[in-house]
C-alpha atoms as a PDB file:
ATOM      1  CA  UNK A   1      84.493 122.003 104.100  1.00  0.00           C
ATOM      2  CA  UNK A   2      86.395 118.355 102.640  1.00  0.00           C
ATOM      3  CA  UNK A   3      87.918 116.490 104.894  1.00  0.00           C
ATOM      4  CA  UNK A   4      89.085 112.648 104.492  1.00  0.00           C
ATOM      5  CA  UNK A   5      86.497 111.229 106.252  1.00  0.00           C
ATOM      6  CA  UNK A   6      83.914 112.014 103.183  1.00  0.00           C
ATOM      7  CA  UNK A   7      86.198 109.408 100.770  1.00  0.00           C
ATOM      8  CA  UNK A   8      86.279 105.241 101.100  1.00  0.00           C
ATOM      9  CA  UNK A   9      90.078 104.148  99.686  1.00  0.00           C
ATOM     10  CA  UNK A  10      89.392 102.045  96.951  1.00  0.00           C
ATOM     11  CA  UNK A  11      92.751 101.464  95.354  1.00  0.00           C
ATOM     12  CA  UNK A  12      96.765 102.435  94.796  1.00  0.00           C
ATOM     13  CA  UNK A  13      96.829 103.815  91.332  1.00  0.00           C
ATOM     14  CA  UNK A  14     100.746 105.276  91.673  1.00  0.00           C
ATOM     15  CA  UNK A  15     102.949 106.887  93.344  1.00  0.00           C
ATOM     16  CA  UNK A  16     105.312 109.600  92.533  1.00  0.00           C
ATOM     17  CA  UNK A  17     108.589 112.182  93.982  1.00  0.00           C
ATOM     18  CA  UNK A  18     105.635 114.261  95.375  1.00  0.00           C
ATOM     19  CA  UNK A  19     102.957 111.510  96.251  1.00  0.00           C
ATOM     20  CA  UNK A  20     100.604 108.566  95.989  1.00  0.00           C
ATOM     21  CA  UNK A  21      96.889 108.836  93.929  1.00  0.00           C
ATOM     22  CA  UNK A  22      94.150 106.106  95.309  1.00  0.00           C
ATOM     23  CA  UNK A  23      91.054 105.696  93.417  1.00  0.00           C
ATOM     24  CA  UNK A  24      88.423 107.082  96.504  1.00  0.00           C
ATOM     25  CA  UNK A  25      84.710 107.158  96.718  1.00  0.00           C
ATOM     26  CA  UNK A  26      82.434 110.032  97.826  1.00  0.00           C
ATOM     27  CA  UNK A  27      80.626 108.681  99.746  1.00  0.00           C
ATOM     28  CA  UNK A  28      76.989 110.625 100.429  1.00  0.00           C
ATOM     29  CA  UNK A  29      78.054 110.757  95.700  1.00  0.00           C
ATOM     30  CA  UNK A  30      78.944 107.737  95.814  1.00  0.00           C
ATOM     31  CA  UNK A  31      81.349 109.239  92.575  1.00  0.00           C
ATOM     32  CA  UNK A  32      84.928 107.917  91.284  1.00  0.00           C
ATOM     33  CA  UNK A  33      87.923 110.317  91.888  1.00  0.00           C
ATOM     34  CA  UNK A  34      91.283 110.267  92.734  1.00  0.00           C
ATOM     35  CA  UNK A  35      93.082 112.404  95.557  1.00  0.00           C
ATOM     36  CA  UNK A  36      97.355 112.349  95.787  1.00  0.00           C
ATOM     37  CA  UNK A  37      98.208 112.261  98.752  1.00  0.00           C
ATOM     38  CA  UNK A  38     101.089 114.363  99.597  1.00  0.00           C
ATOM     39  CA  UNK A  39     103.362 114.247 102.621  1.00  0.00           C
ATOM     40  CA  UNK A  40     103.423 117.877 104.897  1.00  0.00           C
ATOM     41  CA  UNK A  41     106.702 117.341 106.405  1.00  0.00           C
ATOM     42  CA  UNK A  42     108.016 121.740 106.175  1.00  0.00           C
ATOM     43  CA  UNK A  43     106.809 124.992 104.939  1.00  0.00           C
ATOM     44  CA  UNK A  44     108.627 124.247 101.670  1.00  0.00           C
ATOM     45  CA  UNK A  45     106.552 121.163 100.896  1.00  0.00           C
ATOM     46  CA  UNK A  46     102.788 123.117 102.138  1.00  0.00           C
ATOM     47  CA  UNK A  47     104.188 125.742  99.494  1.00  0.00           C
ATOM     48  CA  UNK A  48     104.787 122.687  96.771  1.00  0.00           C
ATOM     49  CA  UNK A  49     101.249 121.516  97.557  1.00  0.00           C
ATOM     50  CA  UNK A  50      99.146 124.507  97.246  1.00  0.00           C
ATOM     51  CA  UNK A  51     100.911 125.636  94.688  1.00  0.00           C
ATOM     52  CA  UNK A  52     100.180 122.628  92.433  1.00  0.00           C
ATOM     53  CA  UNK A  53      96.457 122.350  93.564  1.00  0.00           C
ATOM     54  CA  UNK A  54      96.182 126.774  92.694  1.00  0.00           C
ATOM     55  CA  UNK A  55      97.891 124.913  89.511  1.00  0.00           C
ATOM     56  CA  UNK A  56      94.784 122.492  88.293  1.00  0.00           C
ATOM     57  CA  UNK A  57      92.189 124.754  90.015  1.00  0.00           C
ATOM     58  CA  UNK A  58      93.100 127.000  87.391  1.00  0.00           C
ATOM     59  CA  UNK A  59      94.100 125.420  84.499  1.00  0.00           C
ATOM     60  CA  UNK A  60      91.118 124.307  82.873  1.00  0.00           C
ATOM     61  CA  UNK A  61      91.146 121.975  79.621  1.00  0.00           C
ATOM     62  CA  UNK A  62      88.966 119.075  78.182  1.00  0.00           C
ATOM     63  CA  UNK A  63      92.866 118.121  77.906  1.00  0.00           C
ATOM     64  CA  UNK A  64      93.596 117.819  81.372  1.00  0.00           C
ATOM     65  CA  UNK A  65      91.857 116.312  84.689  1.00  0.00           C
ATOM     66  CA  UNK A  66      88.966 118.449  86.669  1.00  0.00           C
ATOM     67  CA  UNK A  67      90.096 119.761  89.591  1.00  0.00           C
ATOM     68  CA  UNK A  68      87.309 119.313  92.264  1.00  0.00           C
ATOM     69  CA  UNK A  69      89.422 120.485  95.683  1.00  0.00           C
ATOM     70  CA  UNK A  70      91.925 119.915  98.261  1.00  0.00           C
ATOM     71  CA  UNK A  71      91.982 119.826 102.156  1.00  0.00           C
ATOM     72  CA  UNK A  72      94.611 119.303 103.970  1.00  0.00           C
ATOM     73  CA  UNK A  73      95.333 117.497 107.406  1.00  0.00           C
ATOM     74  CA  UNK A  74      98.252 117.388 110.340  1.00  0.00           C
ATOM     75  CA  UNK A  75     101.129 115.897 108.315  1.00  0.00           C
ATOM     76  CA  UNK A  76      99.348 115.151 104.602  1.00  0.00           C
ATOM     77  CA  UNK A  77      98.314 117.865 102.134  1.00  0.00           C
ATOM     78  CA  UNK A  78      95.497 115.841  99.461  1.00  0.00           C
ATOM     79  CA  UNK A  79      94.263 116.795  95.764  1.00  0.00           C
ATOM     80  CA  UNK A  80      90.391 115.617  94.513  1.00  0.00           C
ATOM     81  CA  UNK A  81      90.795 114.962  90.921  1.00  0.00           C
ATOM     82  CA  UNK A  82      88.612 113.433  88.011  1.00  0.00           C
ATOM     83  CA  UNK A  83      88.609 109.570  87.866  1.00  0.00           C
ATOM     84  CA  UNK A  84      89.720 108.240  84.483  1.00  0.00           C
ATOM     85  CA  UNK A  85      89.037 105.259  83.957  1.00  0.00           C
ATOM     86  CA  UNK A  86      90.522 103.890  80.798  1.00  0.00           C
ATOM     87  CA  UNK A  87      93.764 103.772  82.317  1.00  0.00           C
ATOM     88  CA  UNK A  88      97.298 104.825  82.500  1.00  0.00           C
ATOM     89  CA  UNK A  89      97.602 106.991  79.004  1.00  0.00           C
ATOM     90  CA  UNK A  90     101.156 105.368  77.905  1.00  0.00           C
ATOM     91  CA  UNK A  91      99.158 101.761  76.902  1.00  0.00           C
ATOM     92  CA  UNK A  92      97.874 105.049  73.948  1.00  0.00           C
ATOM     93  CA  UNK A  93     100.589 105.714  73.178  1.00  0.00           C
END
C-alpha cells in the first residue's frame, strides 16, 4: 500500500484549480515521480479525485504520463505519475 512517508518531496512544480504538483523521490528505489496533491474537503472532492485517478489508470498511451498509483490521508488525495524531466510542454509549442 502506498503512503506519504514512502516519498521525499524534491520541489514544487506548480499548482492549479484542483491541486498542486511536486517532484518526489521514492525513497526505496530513488525513482523520480510526480505527485499531484488535492485537498479533500467533502465527498464531491473525493469523488473527483478518484475519477481522475481512475482515468489515468485506465488510459495508457505513449503520449500520456504513466500512472503509478494513488493514496489518500485524512484530508488529501495523492496521484503518483511519471516525472517528465524535459520541462513544461509550453516551451516546445
